[in-house]
C-alpha cells in the first residue's frame, strides 16, 4: 500500500470526526461542539501527523511541508477552540468553526495530485 494513502485515509477519518463535531453540536443542550468529538478530531490529526514521515520524499517536499504545516495549524486551531470554548452563536457558528478547523488541510488535495502526476510509489 502506498504510505501516503495511509495519511489520506487518516485524514478521511479526521473529516468524519469533523462531521461528528457538527452532528453532536446540534442539540439544544449543547452550546459548543462536543468536547468528545473535538478530542477525537485532535487525536486523529495527531495520528495523521505521526504517519507523515512515511511519504516524505525529495520530489514531493513542497507538498509534504505544506501538509505538515496544515496539520500543525489544524491542531493549533482545535486546541484554541477547546481551550477558549467560545459561544459559537448557533449552528451557523458551529459550521464556520468546523470549516475553520478543516481549511488548513487543503494542501492534501495538491499532494494527492502531485503524487498522481509523478506516479510515485512510496514503500
PDB file of N, CA and C in Angstrom:
ATOM      1  N   UNK A   1       0.846  -1.191   0.000  1.00  0.00           N
ATOM      2  CA  UNK A   1       0.000   0.000   0.000  1.00  0.00           C
ATOM      3  C   UNK A   1       0.881   1.240   0.000  1.00  0.00           C
ATOM      4  N   UNK A   2       0.507   2.199  -0.752  1.00  0.00           N
ATOM      5  CA  UNK A   2       1.248   3.454  -0.774  1.00  0.00           C
ATOM      6  C   UNK A   2       1.094   4.131   0.579  1.00  0.00           C
ATOM      7  N   UNK A   3       2.211   4.476   1.171  1.00  0.00           N
ATOM      8  CA  UNK A   3       2.150   5.032   2.534  1.00  0.00           C
ATOM      9  C   UNK A   3       1.434   6.362   2.595  1.00  0.00           C
ATOM     10  N   UNK A   4       1.517   7.165   1.547  1.00  0.00           N
ATOM     11  CA  UNK A   4       0.801   8.443   1.584  1.00  0.00           C
ATOM     12  C   UNK A   4      -0.692   8.213   1.593  1.00  0.00           C
ATOM     13  N   UNK A   5      -1.136   7.064   1.084  1.00  0.00           N
ATOM     14  CA  UNK A   5      -2.564   6.744   1.157  1.00  0.00           C
ATOM     15  C   UNK A   5      -3.000   6.533   2.597  1.00  0.00           C
ATOM     16  N   UNK A   6      -2.081   6.071   3.438  1.00  0.00           N
ATOM     17  CA  UNK A   6      -2.400   5.921   4.857  1.00  0.00           C
ATOM     18  C   UNK A   6      -2.726   7.291   5.441  1.00  0.00           C
ATOM     19  N   UNK A   7      -1.912   8.285   5.108  1.00  0.00           N
ATOM     20  CA  UNK A   7      -2.168   9.640   5.597  1.00  0.00           C
ATOM     21  C   UNK A   7      -3.510  10.128   5.065  1.00  0.00           C
ATOM     22  N   UNK A   8      -3.759   9.901   3.771  1.00  0.00           N
ATOM     23  CA  UNK A   8      -5.028  10.323   3.183  1.00  0.00           C
ATOM     24  C   UNK A   8      -6.201   9.626   3.868  1.00  0.00           C
ATOM     25  N   UNK A   9      -6.048   8.347   4.163  1.00  0.00           N
ATOM     26  CA  UNK A   9      -7.115   7.609   4.846  1.00  0.00           C
ATOM     27  C   UNK A   9      -7.343   8.166   6.250  1.00  0.00           C
ATOM     28  N   UNK A  10      -6.261   8.452   6.951  1.00  0.00           N
ATOM     29  CA  UNK A  10      -6.398   9.020   8.293  1.00  0.00           C
ATOM     30  C   UNK A  10      -7.111  10.364   8.210  1.00  0.00           C
ATOM     31  N   UNK A  11      -6.774  11.150   7.195  1.00  0.00           N
ATOM     32  CA  UNK A  11      -7.443  12.446   7.054  1.00  0.00           C
ATOM     33  C   UNK A  11      -8.913  12.279   6.716  1.00  0.00           C
ATOM     34  N   UNK A  12      -9.259  11.216   6.013  1.00  0.00           N
ATOM     35  CA  UNK A  12     -10.676  10.920   5.784  1.00  0.00           C
ATOM     36  C   UNK A  12     -11.384  10.672   7.100  1.00  0.00           C
ATOM     37  N   UNK A  13     -10.711   9.982   7.985  1.00  0.00           N
ATOM     38  CA  UNK A  13     -11.269   9.728   9.309  1.00  0.00           C
ATOM     39  C   UNK A  13     -11.343  11.032  10.104  1.00  0.00           C
ATOM     40  N   UNK A  14     -10.350  11.901   9.919  1.00  0.00           N
ATOM     41  CA  UNK A  14     -10.374  13.211  10.560  1.00  0.00           C
ATOM     42  C   UNK A  14     -11.601  13.983  10.101  1.00  0.00           C
ATOM     43  N   UNK A  15     -11.876  13.933   8.797  1.00  0.00           N
ATOM     44  CA  UNK A  15     -13.056  14.623   8.268  1.00  0.00           C
ATOM     45  C   UNK A  15     -14.327  14.055   8.879  1.00  0.00           C
ATOM     46  N   UNK A  16     -14.357  12.737   9.074  1.00  0.00           N
ATOM     47  CA  UNK A  16     -15.509  12.111   9.721  1.00  0.00           C
ATOM     48  C   UNK A  16     -15.664  12.629  11.147  1.00  0.00           C
ATOM     49  N   UNK A  17     -14.552  12.785  11.841  1.00  0.00           N
ATOM     50  CA  UNK A  17     -14.600  13.336  13.200  1.00  0.00           C
ATOM     51  C   UNK A  17     -15.110  14.771  13.172  1.00  0.00           C
ATOM     52  N   UNK A  18     -14.756  15.514  12.118  1.00  0.00           N
ATOM     53  CA  UNK A  18     -15.245  16.888  11.995  1.00  0.00           C
ATOM     54  C   UNK A  18     -16.752  16.901  11.794  1.00  0.00           C
ATOM     55  N   UNK A  19     -17.254  15.951  11.035  1.00  0.00           N
ATOM     56  CA  UNK A  19     -18.712  15.838  10.852  1.00  0.00           C
ATOM     57  C   UNK A  19     -19.373  15.558  12.196  1.00  0.00           C
ATOM     58  N   UNK A  20     -18.713  14.743  13.018  1.00  0.00           N
ATOM     59  CA  UNK A  20     -19.252  14.468  14.351  1.00  0.00           C
ATOM     60  C   UNK A  20     -19.334  15.740  15.176  1.00  0.00           C
ATOM     61  N   UNK A  21     -18.403  16.669  14.959  1.00  0.00           N
ATOM     62  CA  UNK A  21     -18.473  17.950  15.664  1.00  0.00           C
ATOM     63  C   UNK A  21     -19.795  18.644  15.375  1.00  0.00           C
ATOM     64  N   UNK A  22     -20.210  18.583  14.117  1.00  0.00           N
ATOM     65  CA  UNK A  22     -21.462  19.220  13.715  1.00  0.00           C
ATOM     66  C   UNK A  22     -22.649  18.439  14.252  1.00  0.00           C
ATOM     67  N   UNK A  23     -22.638  17.139  14.037  1.00  0.00           N
ATOM     68  CA  UNK A  23     -23.772  16.311  14.438  1.00  0.00           C
ATOM     69  C   UNK A  23     -24.000  16.341  15.946  1.00  0.00           C
ATOM     70  N   UNK A  24     -22.919  16.297  16.709  1.00  0.00           N
ATOM     71  CA  UNK A  24     -23.051  16.272  18.161  1.00  0.00           C
ATOM     72  C   UNK A  24     -23.283  17.656  18.748  1.00  0.00           C
ATOM     73  N   UNK A  25     -23.044  18.686  17.957  1.00  0.00           N
ATOM     74  CA  UNK A  25     -23.206  20.037  18.466  1.00  0.00           C
ATOM     75  C   UNK A  25     -24.570  20.639  18.199  1.00  0.00           C
ATOM     76  N   UNK A  26     -25.506  19.881  17.604  1.00  0.00           N
ATOM     77  CA  UNK A  26     -26.785  20.445  17.194  1.00  0.00           C
ATOM     78  C   UNK A  26     -27.833  20.497  18.286  1.00  0.00           C
ATOM     79  N   UNK A  27     -27.719  19.632  19.278  1.00  0.00           N
ATOM     80  CA  UNK A  27     -28.765  19.573  20.285  1.00  0.00           C
ATOM     81  C   UNK A  27     -28.879  20.862  21.078  1.00  0.00           C
ATOM     82  N   UNK A  28     -30.084  21.163  21.579  1.00  0.00           N
ATOM     83  CA  UNK A  28     -30.274  22.400  22.335  1.00  0.00           C
ATOM     84  C   UNK A  28     -29.488  22.425  23.640  1.00  0.00           C
ATOM     85  N   UNK A  29     -29.144  21.252  24.156  1.00  0.00           N
ATOM     86  CA  UNK A  29     -28.403  21.205  25.412  1.00  0.00           C
ATOM     87  C   UNK A  29     -26.903  21.434  25.208  1.00  0.00           C
ATOM     88  N   UNK A  30     -26.464  21.460  23.963  1.00  0.00           N
ATOM     89  CA  UNK A  30     -25.049  21.637  23.676  1.00  0.00           C
ATOM     90  C   UNK A  30     -24.838  23.047  23.130  1.00  0.00           C
ATOM     91  N   UNK A  31     -23.996  23.824  23.802  1.00  0.00           N
ATOM     92  CA  UNK A  31     -23.782  25.192  23.353  1.00  0.00           C
ATOM     93  C   UNK A  31     -22.522  25.332  22.512  1.00  0.00           C
ATOM     94  N   UNK A  32     -21.640  24.370  22.596  1.00  0.00           N
ATOM     95  CA  UNK A  32     -20.454  24.364  21.740  1.00  0.00           C
ATOM     96  C   UNK A  32     -20.325  22.970  21.153  1.00  0.00           C
ATOM     97  N   UNK A  33     -19.369  22.801  20.263  1.00  0.00           N
ATOM     98  CA  UNK A  33     -19.125  21.479  19.693  1.00  0.00           C
ATOM     99  C   UNK A  33     -18.823  20.498  20.821  1.00  0.00           C
ATOM    100  N   UNK A  34     -19.222  19.278  20.633  1.00  0.00           N
ATOM    101  CA  UNK A  34     -18.990  18.253  21.632  1.00  0.00           C
ATOM    102  C   UNK A  34     -17.507  18.156  21.975  1.00  0.00           C
ATOM    103  N   UNK A  35     -17.172  18.245  23.260  1.00  0.00           N
ATOM    104  CA  UNK A  35     -15.759  18.106  23.646  1.00  0.00           C
ATOM    105  C   UNK A  35     -15.200  16.747  23.229  1.00  0.00           C
ATOM    106  N   UNK A  36     -16.032  15.707  23.268  1.00  0.00           N
ATOM    107  CA  UNK A  36     -15.571  14.380  22.856  1.00  0.00           C
ATOM    108  C   UNK A  36     -15.245  14.350  21.375  1.00  0.00           C
ATOM    109  N   UNK A  37     -16.087  14.963  20.561  1.00  0.00           N
ATOM    110  CA  UNK A  37     -15.844  14.990  19.119  1.00  0.00           C
ATOM    111  C   UNK A  37     -14.600  15.816  18.809  1.00  0.00           C
ATOM    112  N   UNK A  38     -14.408  16.919  19.506  1.00  0.00           N
ATOM    113  CA  UNK A  38     -13.224  17.744  19.286  1.00  0.00           C
ATOM    114  C   UNK A  38     -11.968  16.993  19.712  1.00  0.00           C
ATOM    115  N   UNK A  39     -12.030  16.270  20.814  1.00  0.00           N
ATOM    116  CA  UNK A  39     -10.888  15.471  21.263  1.00  0.00           C
ATOM    117  C   UNK A  39     -10.562  14.384  20.239  1.00  0.00           C
ATOM    118  N   UNK A  40     -11.590  13.754  19.684  1.00  0.00           N
ATOM    119  CA  UNK A  40     -11.362  12.733  18.667  1.00  0.00           C
ATOM    120  C   UNK A  40     -10.720  13.347  17.426  1.00  0.00           C
ATOM    121  N   UNK A  41     -11.193  14.522  17.029  1.00  0.00           N
ATOM    122  CA  UNK A  41     -10.618  15.235  15.897  1.00  0.00           C
ATOM    123  C   UNK A  41      -9.128  15.483  16.134  1.00  0.00           C
ATOM    124  N   UNK A  42      -8.789  15.959  17.326  1.00  0.00           N
ATOM    125  CA  UNK A  42      -7.385  16.225  17.658  1.00  0.00           C
ATOM    126  C   UNK A  42      -6.556  14.941  17.663  1.00  0.00           C
ATOM    127  N   UNK A  43      -7.106  13.878  18.209  1.00  0.00           N
ATOM    128  CA  UNK A  43      -6.385  12.595  18.247  1.00  0.00           C
ATOM    129  C   UNK A  43      -6.109  12.087  16.836  1.00  0.00           C
ATOM    130  N   UNK A  44      -7.088  12.203  15.967  1.00  0.00           N
ATOM    131  CA  UNK A  44      -6.916  11.706  14.604  1.00  0.00           C
ATOM    132  C   UNK A  44      -5.955  12.589  13.805  1.00  0.00           C
ATOM    133  N   UNK A  45      -5.958  13.876  14.076  1.00  0.00           N
ATOM    134  CA  UNK A  45      -4.956  14.742  13.451  1.00  0.00           C
ATOM    135  C   UNK A  45      -3.555  14.363  13.922  1.00  0.00           C
ATOM    136  N   UNK A  46      -3.409  14.080  15.206  1.00  0.00           N
ATOM    137  CA  UNK A  46      -2.110  13.684  15.743  1.00  0.00           C
ATOM    138  C   UNK A  46      -1.641  12.381  15.094  1.00  0.00           C
ATOM    139  N   UNK A  47      -2.556  11.456  14.866  1.00  0.00           N
ATOM    140  CA  UNK A  47      -2.220  10.211  14.177  1.00  0.00           C
ATOM    141  C   UNK A  47      -1.772  10.499  12.752  1.00  0.00           C
ATOM    142  N   UNK A  48      -2.491  11.375  12.069  1.00  0.00           N
ATOM    143  CA  UNK A  48      -2.102  11.742  10.708  1.00  0.00           C
ATOM    144  C   UNK A  48      -0.697  12.354  10.714  1.00  0.00           C
ATOM    145  N   UNK A  49      -0.413  13.195  11.697  1.00  0.00           N
ATOM    146  CA  UNK A  49       0.912  13.834  11.786  1.00  0.00           C
ATOM    147  C   UNK A  49       1.999  12.789  11.978  1.00  0.00           C
ATOM    148  N   UNK A  50       1.713  11.759  12.764  1.00  0.00           N
ATOM    149  CA  UNK A  50       2.703  10.707  13.009  1.00  0.00           C
ATOM    150  C   UNK A  50       2.992   9.882  11.763  1.00  0.00           C
ATOM    151  N   UNK A  51       2.039   9.783  10.849  1.00  0.00           N
ATOM    152  CA  UNK A  51       2.245   8.995   9.632  1.00  0.00           C
ATOM    153  C   UNK A  51       2.954   9.794   8.541  1.00  0.00           C
ATOM    154  N   UNK A  52       3.114  11.074   8.720  1.00  0.00           N
ATOM    155  CA  UNK A  52       3.691  11.933   7.686  1.00  0.00           C
ATOM    156  C   UNK A  52       5.091  11.511   7.218  1.00  0.00           C
ATOM    157  N   UNK A  53       5.999  11.120   8.095  1.00  0.00           N
ATOM    158  CA  UNK A  53       7.346  10.779   7.615  1.00  0.00           C
ATOM    159  C   UNK A  53       7.363   9.635   6.591  1.00  0.00           C
ATOM    160  N   UNK A  54       6.352   8.813   6.578  1.00  0.00           N
ATOM    161  CA  UNK A  54       6.318   7.675   5.664  1.00  0.00           C
ATOM    162  C   UNK A  54       6.306   8.088   4.194  1.00  0.00           C
ATOM    163  N   UNK A  55       5.819   9.282   3.904  1.00  0.00           N
ATOM    164  CA  UNK A  55       5.767   9.692   2.491  1.00  0.00           C
ATOM    165  C   UNK A  55       6.606  10.922   2.176  1.00  0.00           C
ATOM    166  N   UNK A  56       7.529  11.225   3.044  1.00  0.00           N
ATOM    167  CA  UNK A  56       8.416  12.365   2.772  1.00  0.00           C
ATOM    168  C   UNK A  56       9.471  11.944   1.742  1.00  0.00           C
ATOM    169  N   UNK A  57       9.467  12.630   0.609  1.00  0.00           N
ATOM    170  CA  UNK A  57      10.379  12.331  -0.488  1.00  0.00           C
ATOM    171  C   UNK A  57      10.845  13.648  -1.103  1.00  0.00           C
ATOM    172  N   UNK A  58      12.041  13.678  -1.655  1.00  0.00           N
ATOM    173  CA  UNK A  58      12.539  14.929  -2.242  1.00  0.00           C
ATOM    174  C   UNK A  58      11.617  15.501  -3.319  1.00  0.00           C
ATOM    175  N   UNK A  59      11.035  14.637  -4.137  1.00  0.00           N
ATOM    176  CA  UNK A  59      10.207  15.130  -5.239  1.00  0.00           C
ATOM    177  C   UNK A  59       8.841  15.652  -4.792  1.00  0.00           C
ATOM    178  N   UNK A  60       8.495  15.429  -3.537  1.00  0.00           N
ATOM    179  CA  UNK A  60       7.214  15.942  -3.015  1.00  0.00           C
ATOM    180  C   UNK A  60       7.421  16.784  -1.758  1.00  0.00           C
ATOM    181  N   UNK A  61       8.631  17.295  -1.577  1.00  0.00           N
ATOM    182  CA  UNK A  61       8.952  18.023  -0.342  1.00  0.00           C
ATOM    183  C   UNK A  61       8.054  19.241  -0.134  1.00  0.00           C
ATOM    184  N   UNK A  62       7.795  19.994  -1.179  1.00  0.00           N
ATOM    185  CA  UNK A  62       6.968  21.202  -1.022  1.00  0.00           C
ATOM    186  C   UNK A  62       5.559  20.832  -0.565  1.00  0.00           C
ATOM    187  N   UNK A  63       4.995  19.803  -1.171  1.00  0.00           N
ATOM    188  CA  UNK A  63       3.651  19.368  -0.791  1.00  0.00           C
ATOM    189  C   UNK A  63       3.654  18.790   0.619  1.00  0.00           C
ATOM    190  N   UNK A  64       4.712  18.011   0.936  1.00  0.00           N
ATOM    191  CA  UNK A  64       4.816  17.423   2.271  1.00  0.00           C
ATOM    192  C   UNK A  64       4.864  18.523   3.330  1.00  0.00           C
ATOM    193  N   UNK A  65       5.698  19.523   3.079  1.00  0.00           N
ATOM    194  CA  UNK A  65       5.841  20.621   4.052  1.00  0.00           C
ATOM    195  C   UNK A  65       4.519  21.365   4.235  1.00  0.00           C
ATOM    196  N   UNK A  66       3.805  21.598   3.141  1.00  0.00           N
ATOM    197  CA  UNK A  66       2.508  22.289   3.238  1.00  0.00           C
ATOM    198  C   UNK A  66       1.502  21.447   4.027  1.00  0.00           C
ATOM    199  N   UNK A  67       1.514  20.143   3.802  1.00  0.00           N
ATOM    200  CA  UNK A  67       0.594  19.261   4.532  1.00  0.00           C
ATOM    201  C   UNK A  67       0.947  19.202   6.021  1.00  0.00           C
ATOM    202  N   UNK A  68       2.240  19.091   6.320  1.00  0.00           N
ATOM    203  CA  UNK A  68       2.670  19.057   7.723  1.00  0.00           C
ATOM    204  C   UNK A  68       2.278  20.352   8.427  1.00  0.00           C
ATOM    205  N   UNK A  69       2.494  21.472   7.751  1.00  0.00           N
ATOM    206  CA  UNK A  69       2.110  22.761   8.335  1.00  0.00           C
ATOM    207  C   UNK A  69       0.594  22.845   8.504  1.00  0.00           C
ATOM    208  N   UNK A  70      -0.142  22.277   7.555  1.00  0.00           N
ATOM    209  CA  UNK A  70      -1.601  22.274   7.644  1.00  0.00           C
ATOM    210  C   UNK A  70      -2.105  21.493   8.846  1.00  0.00           C
ATOM    211  N   UNK A  71      -1.518  20.334   9.079  1.00  0.00           N
ATOM    212  CA  UNK A  71      -1.909  19.548  10.252  1.00  0.00           C
ATOM    213  C   UNK A  71      -1.579  20.315  11.522  1.00  0.00           C
ATOM    214  N   UNK A  72      -0.391  20.886  11.571  1.00  0.00           N
ATOM    215  CA  UNK A  72       0.001  21.647  12.762  1.00  0.00           C
ATOM    216  C   UNK A  72      -0.967  22.807  13.015  1.00  0.00           C
ATOM    217  N   UNK A  73      -1.345  23.509  11.949  1.00  0.00           N
ATOM    218  CA  UNK A  73      -2.279  24.627  12.102  1.00  0.00           C
ATOM    219  C   UNK A  73      -3.661  24.143  12.530  1.00  0.00           C
ATOM    220  N   UNK A  74      -4.126  23.037  11.959  1.00  0.00           N
ATOM    221  CA  UNK A  74      -5.428  22.497  12.353  1.00  0.00           C
ATOM    222  C   UNK A  74      -5.416  22.072  13.818  1.00  0.00           C
ATOM    223  N   UNK A  75      -4.304  21.476  14.265  1.00  0.00           N
ATOM    224  CA  UNK A  75      -4.176  21.110  15.682  1.00  0.00           C
ATOM    225  C   UNK A  75      -4.193  22.347  16.571  1.00  0.00           C
ATOM    226  N   UNK A  76      -3.509  23.398  16.152  1.00  0.00           N
ATOM    227  CA  UNK A  76      -3.495  24.646  16.917  1.00  0.00           C
ATOM    228  C   UNK A  76      -4.899  25.242  17.016  1.00  0.00           C
ATOM    229  N   UNK A  77      -5.615  25.268  15.900  1.00  0.00           N
ATOM    230  CA  UNK A  77      -6.976  25.805  15.905  1.00  0.00           C
ATOM    231  C   UNK A  77      -7.907  24.968  16.772  1.00  0.00           C
ATOM    232  N   UNK A  78      -7.746  23.653  16.723  1.00  0.00           N
ATOM    233  CA  UNK A  78      -8.586  22.782  17.548  1.00  0.00           C
ATOM    234  C   UNK A  78      -8.303  23.016  19.033  1.00  0.00           C
ATOM    235  N   UNK A  79      -7.021  23.151  19.371  1.00  0.00           N
ATOM    236  CA  UNK A  79      -6.656  23.408  20.772  1.00  0.00           C
ATOM    237  C   UNK A  79      -7.254  24.720  21.249  1.00  0.00           C
ATOM    238  N   UNK A  80      -7.142  25.751  20.404  1.00  0.00           N
ATOM    239  CA  UNK A  80      -7.715  27.054  20.773  1.00  0.00           C
ATOM    240  C   UNK A  80      -9.220  26.962  20.976  1.00  0.00           C
ATOM    241  N   UNK A  81      -9.895  26.243  20.074  1.00  0.00           N
ATOM    242  CA  UNK A  81     -11.344  26.085  20.199  1.00  0.00           C
ATOM    243  C   UNK A  81     -11.695  25.367  21.494  1.00  0.00           C
ATOM    244  N   UNK A  82     -10.942  24.333  21.817  1.00  0.00           N
ATOM    245  CA  UNK A  82     -11.184  23.570  23.046  1.00  0.00           C
ATOM    246  C   UNK A  82     -10.917  24.419  24.277  1.00  0.00           C
ATOM    247  N   UNK A  83      -9.784  25.123  24.297  1.00  0.00           N
ATOM    248  CA  UNK A  83      -9.399  25.897  25.482  1.00  0.00           C
ATOM    249  C   UNK A  83     -10.247  27.149  25.670  1.00  0.00           C
ATOM    250  N   UNK A  84     -10.565  27.832  24.584  1.00  0.00           N
ATOM    251  CA  UNK A  84     -11.324  29.073  24.695  1.00  0.00           C
ATOM    252  C   UNK A  84     -12.822  28.822  24.784  1.00  0.00           C
ATOM    253  N   UNK A  85     -13.290  27.705  24.240  1.00  0.00           N
ATOM    254  CA  UNK A  85     -14.707  27.322  24.258  1.00  0.00           C
ATOM    255  C   UNK A  85     -15.634  28.518  24.040  1.00  0.00           C
ATOM    256  N   UNK A  86     -15.480  29.189  22.897  1.00  0.00           N
ATOM    257  CA  UNK A  86     -16.313  30.380  22.659  1.00  0.00           C
ATOM    258  C   UNK A  86     -17.769  30.011  22.406  1.00  0.00           C
ATOM    259  N   UNK A  87     -18.641  30.970  22.601  1.00  0.00           N
ATOM    260  CA  UNK A  87     -20.036  30.794  22.209  1.00  0.00           C
ATOM    261  C   UNK A  87     -20.050  30.829  20.686  1.00  0.00           C
ATOM    262  N   UNK A  88     -20.509  29.755  20.079  1.00  0.00           N
ATOM    263  CA  UNK A  88     -20.455  29.639  18.626  1.00  0.00           C
ATOM    264  C   UNK A  88     -21.597  30.351  17.930  1.00  0.00           C
ATOM    265  N   UNK A  89     -22.549  30.850  18.678  1.00  0.00           N
ATOM    266  CA  UNK A  89     -23.632  31.605  18.063  1.00  0.00           C
ATOM    267  C   UNK A  89     -24.580  30.744  17.254  1.00  0.00           C
ATOM    268  N   UNK A  90     -24.816  29.539  17.684  1.00  0.00           N
ATOM    269  CA  UNK A  90     -25.762  28.670  16.995  1.00  0.00           C
ATOM    270  C   UNK A  90     -25.100  27.779  15.955  1.00  0.00           C
ATOM    271  N   UNK A  91     -25.944  27.146  15.181  1.00  0.00           N
ATOM    272  CA  UNK A  91     -25.487  26.152  14.218  1.00  0.00           C
ATOM    273  C   UNK A  91     -24.583  26.764  13.148  1.00  0.00           C
ATOM    274  N   UNK A  92     -24.880  27.967  12.685  1.00  0.00           N
ATOM    275  CA  UNK A  92     -24.053  28.601  11.662  1.00  0.00           C
ATOM    276  C   UNK A  92     -22.638  28.854  12.176  1.00  0.00           C
ATOM    277  N   UNK A  93     -22.532  29.262  13.423  1.00  0.00           N
ATOM    278  CA  UNK A  93     -21.221  29.460  14.023  1.00  0.00           C
ATOM    279  C   UNK A  93     -20.457  28.159  14.160  1.00  0.00           C
ATOM    280  N   UNK A  94     -21.175  27.102  14.474  1.00  0.00           N
ATOM    281  CA  UNK A  94     -20.554  25.785  14.571  1.00  0.00           C
ATOM    282  C   UNK A  94     -20.005  25.366  13.216  1.00  0.00           C
ATOM    283  N   UNK A  95     -20.807  25.545  12.158  1.00  0.00           N
ATOM    284  CA  UNK A  95     -20.359  25.192  10.813  1.00  0.00           C
ATOM    285  C   UNK A  95     -19.114  25.997  10.440  1.00  0.00           C
ATOM    286  N   UNK A  96     -19.128  27.282  10.734  1.00  0.00           N
ATOM    287  CA  UNK A  96     -17.962  28.121  10.427  1.00  0.00           C
ATOM    288  C   UNK A  96     -16.719  27.596  11.145  1.00  0.00           C
ATOM    289  N   UNK A  97     -16.864  27.227  12.422  1.00  0.00           N
ATOM    290  CA  UNK A  97     -15.718  26.728  13.183  1.00  0.00           C
ATOM    291  C   UNK A  97     -15.196  25.413  12.635  1.00  0.00           C
ATOM    292  N   UNK A  98     -16.085  24.533  12.201  1.00  0.00           N
ATOM    293  CA  UNK A  98     -15.646  23.263  11.612  1.00  0.00           C
ATOM    294  C   UNK A  98     -14.891  23.544  10.311  1.00  0.00           C
ATOM    295  N   UNK A  99     -15.420  24.433   9.489  1.00  0.00           N
ATOM    296  CA  UNK A  99     -14.710  24.805   8.256  1.00  0.00           C
ATOM    297  C   UNK A  99     -13.341  25.387   8.587  1.00  0.00           C
ATOM    298  N   UNK A 100     -13.282  26.202   9.622  1.00  0.00           N
ATOM    299  CA  UNK A 100     -12.027  26.805  10.053  1.00  0.00           C
ATOM    300  C   UNK A 100     -11.025  25.738  10.504  1.00  0.00           C
ATOM    301  N   UNK A 101     -11.524  24.672  11.114  1.00  0.00           N
ATOM    302  CA  UNK A 101     -10.642  23.579  11.524  1.00  0.00           C
ATOM    303  C   UNK A 101     -10.117  22.799  10.325  1.00  0.00           C
ATOM    304  N   UNK A 102     -10.936  22.653   9.293  1.00  0.00           N
ATOM    305  CA  UNK A 102     -10.563  21.841   8.137  1.00  0.00           C
ATOM    306  C   UNK A 102      -9.765  22.601   7.085  1.00  0.00           C
ATOM    307  N   UNK A 103      -9.926  23.913   7.011  1.00  0.00           N
ATOM    308  CA  UNK A 103      -9.244  24.705   5.979  1.00  0.00           C
ATOM    309  C   UNK A 103      -7.735  24.453   5.892  1.00  0.00           C
ATOM    310  N   UNK A 104      -7.019  24.337   6.997  1.00  0.00           N
ATOM    311  CA  UNK A 104      -5.573  24.120   6.890  1.00  0.00           C
ATOM    312  C   UNK A 104      -5.191  22.793   6.227  1.00  0.00           C
ATOM    313  N   UNK A 105      -6.153  21.888   6.084  1.00  0.00           N
ATOM    314  CA  UNK A 105      -5.852  20.581   5.498  1.00  0.00           C
ATOM    315  C   UNK A 105      -5.981  20.572   3.975  1.00  0.00           C
ATOM    316  N   UNK A 106      -6.324  21.703   3.390  1.00  0.00           N
ATOM    317  CA  UNK A 106      -6.460  21.806   1.935  1.00  0.00           C
ATOM    318  C   UNK A 106      -5.212  21.365   1.166  1.00  0.00           C
ATOM    319  N   UNK A 107      -3.994  21.582   1.674  1.00  0.00           N
ATOM    320  CA  UNK A 107      -2.811  21.165   0.913  1.00  0.00           C
ATOM    321  C   UNK A 107      -2.783  19.675   0.565  1.00  0.00           C
ATOM    322  N   UNK A 108      -3.543  18.858   1.277  1.00  0.00           N
ATOM    323  CA  UNK A 108      -3.551  17.440   0.943  1.00  0.00           C
ATOM    324  C   UNK A 108      -4.121  17.176  -0.445  1.00  0.00           C
ATOM    325  N   UNK A 109      -5.011  18.040  -0.911  1.00  0.00           N
ATOM    326  CA  UNK A 109      -5.531  17.883  -2.266  1.00  0.00           C
ATOM    327  C   UNK A 109      -4.410  18.045  -3.284  1.00  0.00           C
ATOM    328  N   UNK A 110      -3.569  19.052  -3.098  1.00  0.00           N
ATOM    329  CA  UNK A 110      -2.438  19.272  -4.006  1.00  0.00           C
ATOM    330  C   UNK A 110      -1.442  18.122  -3.906  1.00  0.00           C
ATOM    331  N   UNK A 111      -1.252  17.577  -2.711  1.00  0.00           N
ATOM    332  CA  UNK A 111      -0.319  16.463  -2.538  1.00  0.00           C
ATOM    333  C   UNK A 111      -0.796  15.229  -3.298  1.00  0.00           C
ATOM    334  N   UNK A 112      -2.084  14.961  -3.228  1.00  0.00           N
ATOM    335  CA  UNK A 112      -2.627  13.815  -3.958  1.00  0.00           C
ATOM    336  C   UNK A 112      -2.393  14.002  -5.456  1.00  0.00           C
ATOM    337  N   UNK A 113      -2.658  15.198  -5.956  1.00  0.00           N
ATOM    338  CA  UNK A 113      -2.448  15.465  -7.383  1.00  0.00           C
ATOM    339  C   UNK A 113      -0.976  15.337  -7.764  1.00  0.00           C
ATOM    340  N   UNK A 114      -0.097  15.804  -6.883  1.00  0.00           N
ATOM    341  CA  UNK A 114       1.339  15.699  -7.166  1.00  0.00           C
ATOM    342  C   UNK A 114       1.762  14.238  -7.247  1.00  0.00           C
ATOM    343  N   UNK A 115       1.303  13.423  -6.325  1.00  0.00           N
ATOM    344  CA  UNK A 115       1.628  12.000  -6.372  1.00  0.00           C
ATOM    345  C   UNK A 115       1.082  11.356  -7.639  1.00  0.00           C
ATOM    346  N   UNK A 116      -0.115  11.722  -8.008  1.00  0.00           N
ATOM    347  CA  UNK A 116      -0.683  11.176  -9.249  1.00  0.00           C
ATOM    348  C   UNK A 116       0.169  11.563 -10.452  1.00  0.00           C
ATOM    349  N   UNK A 117       0.606  12.808 -10.490  1.00  0.00           N
ATOM    350  CA  UNK A 117       1.394  13.264 -11.642  1.00  0.00           C
ATOM    351  C   UNK A 117       2.747  12.565 -11.713  1.00  0.00           C
ATOM    352  N   UNK A 118       3.308  12.247 -10.573  1.00  0.00           N
ATOM    353  CA  UNK A 118       4.607  11.580 -10.524  1.00  0.00           C
ATOM    354  C   UNK A 118       4.495  10.063 -10.604  1.00  0.00           C
ATOM    355  N   UNK A 119       3.327   9.563 -10.292  1.00  0.00           N
ATOM    356  CA  UNK A 119       3.102   8.116 -10.181  1.00  0.00           C
ATOM    357  C   UNK A 119       4.144   7.498  -9.235  1.00  0.00           C
ATOM    358  N   UNK A 120       4.290   8.174  -8.110  1.00  0.00           N
ATOM    359  CA  UNK A 120       5.271   7.763  -7.107  1.00  0.00           C
ATOM    360  C   UNK A 120       4.665   6.673  -6.229  1.00  0.00           C
ATOM    361  N   UNK A 121       5.438   5.626  -6.011  1.00  0.00           N
ATOM    362  CA  UNK A 121       5.063   4.584  -5.074  1.00  0.00           C
ATOM    363  C   UNK A 121       6.013   4.687  -3.893  1.00  0.00           C
ATOM    364  N   UNK A 122       5.462   4.924  -2.736  1.00  0.00           N
ATOM    365  CA  UNK A 122       6.276   5.034  -1.519  1.00  0.00           C
ATOM    366  C   UNK A 122       6.106   3.748  -0.743  1.00  0.00           C
ATOM    367  N   UNK A 123       7.184   3.096  -0.450  1.00  0.00           N
ATOM    368  CA  UNK A 123       7.104   1.810   0.274  1.00  0.00           C
ATOM    369  C   UNK A 123       7.710   1.933   1.646  1.00  0.00           C
TER     370      UNK A 123
END
